[in-house]
Amino acid sequence: MDISNNSYASITNSVIKNLFSGVDVYENSELNFENSIMENITGISSAFATYNNSKINISSSTVNEINGDYAFDVFNNSNMTISDSLLENFHGQYAIDVFGDDNGYATSTLEITNSKINNGDKNGLFVYRRANATLNNVEISNFLWSGVYTYANPQITITDSTIFNNDYGIESYGANINISNSTIKDNYSFGIYNSGQVTKATNNWWGSDTGPFHTTKNASGTANRVSNYVDFIPWLTSDPKIEKNIPVIIIPGVMGTQLLKG
């Protein structure tokens, strides 16, 4: 299904299933997909793709069993918003792919809130080049490779979210990443691996009050491992999804510090 040439379409209260390909939105067009289901897209194309100055809004919906390399594809100065939705069971290279144009000038954006992105044969979220991704109250779990994979200096902001049971929670080769008040735990190789500019990852819960393991900065940490170029101090000593009181944070060399409002 193509939506193009300055068009607008709305799909609500519907079920779309057992198709070879999904929906492409392009050439200054927009799709609203609400309270609907898309499942079992069997071909190599995306379930949802938007490009060339276009937009897709997905809300209160389920997307399930997608075989294409990029289940959600956002590029060339386009935008996708996903809210209150369940996205799961991906069998291609990436569940969600967002990037700027090939020349690196136009910026594409992704905004996800109150949603779950679960179960993939490879990677979850892939963000690169001139792209901005904002995640709030999002769960990313059970990807055999990385929950979030990024390079070429995009902007990524993650708050109040949970990243767990992936091989790498976040794998970065150059990105402006800020993750806070979130849970990063039970990822197998690394909670965060970074070989580029410093990842800001303070005030997060790592699965243990001892914090993440780092060979020099926190060798006594028993939670997920972090690489160099990750700013993880201070960390939370309880899961922010469970503990709603003012958190106690731990700084190595200090017994404990409580941050009080007012």
Protein backbone atom coordinates (compact mmCIF):
# COMPACT_ATOMS: atom_id res chain seq x y z
CA MET A 1 0.00 0.00 0.00
CA ASP A 2 1.44 3.38 -1.05
CA ILE A 3 0.38 6.77 0.31
CA SER A 4 2.08 9.55 -1.63
CA ASN A 5 1.87 12.86 -3.46
CA ASN A 6 0.63 15.12 -0.62
CA SER A 7 -1.94 12.58 0.62
CA TYR A 8 -3.39 11.82 4.04
CA ALA A 9 -4.77 8.44 5.15
CA SER A 10 -6.17 7.06 8.40
CA ILE A 11 -6.44 3.41 9.38
CA THR A 12 -8.40 2.80 12.60
CA ASN A 13 -9.91 -0.24 14.31
CA SER A 14 -8.57 -2.53 11.61
CA VAL A 15 -6.58 -5.74 11.19
CA ILE A 16 -4.00 -6.06 8.41
CA LYS A 17 -2.35 -9.47 8.20
CA ASN A 18 -0.74 -12.09 5.98
CA LEU A 19 0.60 -9.68 3.37
CA PHE A 20 3.88 -9.62 1.47
CA SER A 21 4.48 -5.92 2.19
CA GLY A 22 3.17 -3.17 4.46
CA VAL A 23 2.62 0.59 4.01
CA ASP A 24 4.93 3.15 2.37
CA VAL A 25 4.25 6.85 3.05
CA TYR A 26 6.26 9.37 1.01
CA GLU A 27 6.25 12.63 -0.97
CA ASN A 28 4.84 14.96 1.72
CA SER A 29 2.18 12.54 2.92
CA GLU A 30 0.90 11.31 6.29
CA LEU A 31 -0.64 8.16 7.76
CA ASN A 32 -2.47 7.79 11.06
CA PHE A 33 -2.59 4.14 12.25
CA GLU A 34 -4.68 3.85 15.40
CA ASN A 35 -6.18 1.05 17.51
CA SER A 36 -5.25 -1.47 14.84
CA ILE A 37 -3.19 -4.59 14.24
CA MET A 38 -0.61 -5.36 11.57
CA GLU A 39 0.90 -8.84 11.65
CA ASN A 40 2.64 -11.47 9.60
CA ILE A 41 4.26 -9.36 6.89
CA THR A 42 6.11 -12.07 5.00
CA GLY A 43 8.22 -10.16 2.45
CA ILE A 44 11.54 -8.35 2.72
CA SER A 45 9.97 -4.87 2.77
CA SER A 46 8.91 -2.83 5.83
CA ALA A 47 5.66 -2.98 7.73
CA PHE A 48 5.79 0.84 7.89
CA ALA A 49 8.14 3.08 5.90
CA THR A 50 8.12 6.87 5.65
CA TYR A 51 10.47 9.05 3.62
CA ASN A 52 10.74 12.22 1.54
CA ASN A 53 9.21 14.70 4.01
CA SER A 54 6.44 12.47 5.29
CA LYS A 55 5.04 11.19 8.58
CA ILE A 56 3.51 8.10 10.21
CA ASN A 57 1.67 8.18 13.56
CA ILE A 58 1.07 4.82 15.25
CA SER A 59 -0.98 4.71 18.45
CA SER A 60 -2.71 2.09 20.61
CA SER A 61 -1.77 -0.62 18.11
CA THR A 62 0.02 -3.96 17.79
CA VAL A 63 2.61 -4.84 15.15
CA ASN A 64 3.70 -8.48 15.22
CA GLU A 65 5.69 -11.02 13.17
CA ILE A 66 7.56 -8.88 10.64
CA ASN A 67 10.13 -10.51 8.36
CA GLY A 68 11.58 -7.50 6.52
CA ASP A 69 15.09 -6.24 7.24
CA TYR A 70 13.64 -2.96 8.57
CA ALA A 71 10.18 -3.41 10.08
CA PHE A 72 9.87 0.35 10.66
CA ASP A 73 11.88 2.58 8.33
CA VAL A 74 12.23 6.37 8.68
CA PHE A 75 14.53 8.43 6.45
CA ASN A 76 15.00 11.50 4.25
CA ASN A 77 13.58 14.22 6.48
CA SER A 78 10.60 12.25 7.77
CA ASN A 79 9.01 11.56 11.14
CA MET A 80 7.45 8.63 12.97
CA THR A 81 5.65 8.69 16.31
CA ILE A 82 4.70 5.53 18.18
CA SER A 83 2.65 5.61 21.38
CA ASP A 84 0.86 3.11 23.61
CA SER A 85 1.73 0.24 21.31
CA LEU A 86 3.19 -3.28 21.31
CA LEU A 87 5.81 -4.12 18.69
CA GLU A 88 7.20 -7.65 18.76
CA ASN A 89 8.68 -10.63 16.93
CA PHE A 90 11.04 -9.25 14.30
CA HIS A 91 12.99 -11.52 11.98
CA GLY A 92 15.07 -9.06 9.95
CA GLN A 93 18.17 -6.97 10.56
CA TYR A 94 16.53 -4.17 12.59
CA ALA A 95 13.12 -3.65 14.16
CA ILE A 96 13.28 0.15 13.72
CA ASP A 97 15.63 2.05 11.42
CA VAL A 98 15.90 5.87 11.39
CA PHE A 99 18.45 8.07 9.59
CA GLY A 100 18.95 11.32 7.71
CA ASP A 101 19.38 11.51 3.95
CA ASP A 102 22.33 9.96 2.15
CA ASN A 103 24.09 13.33 1.93
CA GLY A 104 23.76 13.91 5.67
CA TYR A 105 21.74 17.13 5.49
CA ALA A 106 18.06 16.34 6.18
CA THR A 107 17.16 15.13 9.67
CA SER A 108 14.64 12.39 10.41
CA THR A 109 12.97 11.96 13.81
CA LEU A 110 11.52 9.14 15.85
CA GLU A 111 9.43 9.57 18.99
CA ILE A 112 8.28 6.55 21.03
CA THR A 113 6.27 6.72 24.26
CA ASN A 114 4.57 4.15 26.50
CA SER A 115 5.40 1.23 24.22
CA LYS A 116 7.14 -2.16 24.16
CA ILE A 117 9.61 -3.35 21.52
CA ASN A 118 10.36 -7.02 22.13
CA ASN A 119 11.82 -10.15 20.60
CA GLY A 120 14.06 -9.89 17.56
CA ASP A 121 16.49 -12.13 15.72
CA LYS A 122 19.07 -9.32 15.47
CA ASN A 123 18.80 -5.62 16.52
CA GLY A 124 16.08 -3.46 17.99
CA LEU A 125 16.49 0.25 17.31
CA PHE A 126 19.05 1.44 14.71
CA VAL A 127 19.75 5.20 14.64
CA TYR A 128 22.47 6.83 12.53
CA ARG A 129 23.61 9.93 10.65
CA ARG A 130 21.37 13.02 11.01
CA ALA A 131 18.58 11.48 13.10
CA ASN A 132 16.92 12.32 16.41
CA ALA A 133 15.30 9.61 18.52
CA THR A 134 13.39 10.29 21.74
CA LEU A 135 12.13 7.43 23.91
CA ASN A 136 10.05 7.82 27.07
CA ASN A 137 8.64 4.88 29.05
CA VAL A 138 9.74 2.36 26.44
CA GLU A 139 10.73 -1.26 26.98
CA ILE A 140 13.33 -2.80 24.64
CA SER A 141 14.05 -6.46 25.32
CA ASN A 142 15.01 -9.86 23.97
CA PHE A 143 17.02 -8.94 20.90
CA LEU A 144 19.74 -11.43 20.07
CA TRP A 145 22.14 -8.63 19.12
CA SER A 146 21.65 -5.06 20.40
CA GLY A 147 18.61 -3.35 21.88
CA VAL A 148 19.89 -0.01 20.52
CA TYR A 149 22.60 0.18 17.83
CA THR A 150 23.97 3.49 16.61
CA TYR A 151 26.79 5.28 14.79
CA ALA A 152 27.60 8.45 12.80
CA ASN A 153 26.54 10.93 15.49
CA PRO A 154 22.76 10.94 15.81
CA GLN A 155 20.98 12.40 18.86
CA ILE A 156 19.27 9.89 21.20
CA THR A 157 17.42 10.73 24.42
CA ILE A 158 16.01 7.92 26.60
CA THR A 159 14.07 8.49 29.84
CA ASP A 160 12.01 6.33 32.19
CA SER A 161 12.67 3.27 30.05
CA THR A 162 13.85 -0.33 30.44
CA ILE A 163 16.47 -2.10 28.31
CA PHE A 164 17.04 -5.74 29.24
CA ASN A 165 17.71 -9.30 28.02
CA ASN A 166 19.58 -8.25 24.90
CA ASP A 167 23.15 -9.16 24.01
CA TYR A 168 24.17 -5.48 24.13
CA GLY A 169 21.72 -3.09 25.75
CA ILE A 170 23.16 -0.13 23.84
CA GLU A 171 25.96 -0.48 21.28
CA SER A 172 27.35 2.83 20.02
CA TYR A 173 30.10 3.79 17.60
CA GLY A 174 29.62 7.54 17.80
CA ALA A 175 26.37 9.16 19.00
CA ASN A 176 25.11 11.85 21.36
CA ILE A 177 23.24 9.61 23.81
CA ASN A 178 21.61 10.68 27.06
CA ILE A 179 19.81 8.01 29.08
CA SER A 180 18.46 8.70 32.58
CA ASN A 181 16.02 7.43 35.21
CA SER A 182 15.96 4.15 33.33
CA THR A 183 16.74 0.48 33.94
CA ILE A 184 19.57 -1.24 32.05
CA LYS A 185 19.94 -4.80 33.29
CA ASP A 186 20.37 -8.45 32.39
CA ASN A 187 21.99 -7.74 29.04
CA TYR A 188 24.48 -10.48 28.30
CA SER A 189 27.66 -8.85 26.95
CA PHE A 190 27.30 -5.16 27.87
CA GLY A 191 24.71 -2.86 29.34
CA ILE A 192 26.33 -0.10 27.27
CA TYR A 193 29.24 -0.48 24.88
CA ASN A 194 30.63 2.75 23.43
CA SER A 195 33.68 3.47 21.29
CA GLY A 196 32.85 7.05 20.33
CA GLN A 197 31.91 10.24 22.16
CA VAL A 198 30.93 9.87 25.82
CA THR A 199 27.50 8.41 26.52
CA LYS A 200 25.69 10.23 29.34
CA ALA A 201 24.15 7.47 31.46
CA THR A 202 23.89 8.85 35.00
CA ASN A 203 21.05 8.16 37.46
CA ASN A 204 20.07 4.76 36.10
CA TRP A 205 19.36 1.40 37.73
CA TRP A 206 21.63 -1.40 36.53
CA GLY A 207 20.07 -4.35 38.31
CA SER A 208 22.17 -4.11 41.50
CA ASP A 209 22.81 -1.41 44.07
CA THR A 210 26.55 -1.98 43.47
CA GLY A 211 26.16 -0.45 40.02
CA PRO A 212 27.52 -1.55 36.64
CA PHE A 213 30.85 -3.31 36.33
CA HIS A 214 33.73 -1.28 34.91
CA THR A 215 37.31 -2.49 35.18
CA THR A 216 38.66 0.74 36.72
CA LYS A 217 35.74 3.00 37.66
CA ASN A 218 33.65 0.37 39.49
CA ALA A 219 35.43 -2.97 39.69
CA SER A 220 33.14 -4.07 42.54
CA GLY A 221 29.99 -3.55 40.48
CA THR A 222 28.00 -6.74 39.98
CA ALA A 223 25.47 -5.49 37.44
CA ASN A 224 25.74 -5.09 33.67
CA ARG A 225 29.16 -4.36 32.25
CA VAL A 226 29.93 -0.96 30.70
CA SER A 227 32.80 0.02 28.43
CA ASN A 228 34.95 3.10 28.44
CA TYR A 229 33.39 6.40 27.37
CA VAL A 230 30.27 5.84 29.48
CA ASP A 231 29.49 8.38 32.21
CA PHE A 232 27.49 6.21 34.64
CA ILE A 233 28.30 7.82 38.04
CA PRO A 234 26.12 8.33 40.04
CA TRP A 235 23.66 5.46 39.64
CA LEU A 236 20.32 4.61 41.23
CA THR A 237 20.19 1.92 43.94
CA SER A 238 16.66 0.79 43.14
CA ASP A 239 14.51 0.29 40.11
CA PRO A 240 12.75 3.59 39.27
CA LYS A 241 9.85 1.61 37.83
CA ILE A 242 9.21 0.15 41.29
CA GLU A 243 10.59 2.64 43.78
CA LYS A 244 8.87 6.00 43.41
CA ASN A 245 10.42 7.70 46.46
CA ILE A 246 13.38 10.05 46.23
CA PRO A 247 16.26 7.78 45.10
CA VAL A 248 19.51 7.16 46.91
CA ILE A 249 22.46 7.30 44.54
CA ILE A 250 25.93 5.89 45.06
CA ILE A 251 29.21 7.59 44.18
CA PRO A 252 32.36 5.45 44.55
CA GLY A 253 34.30 6.52 47.64
CA VAL A 254 31.21 7.97 49.30
CA MET A 255 28.99 5.86 51.56
CA GLY A 256 25.76 7.24 50.14
CA THR A 257 24.17 10.45 49.04
CA GLN A 258 20.49 11.27 49.17
CA LEU A 259 19.18 13.91 46.84
CA LEU A 260 16.46 15.94 48.54
CA LYS A 261 14.13 18.34 46.80
CA GLY A 262 13.84 21.84 48.19
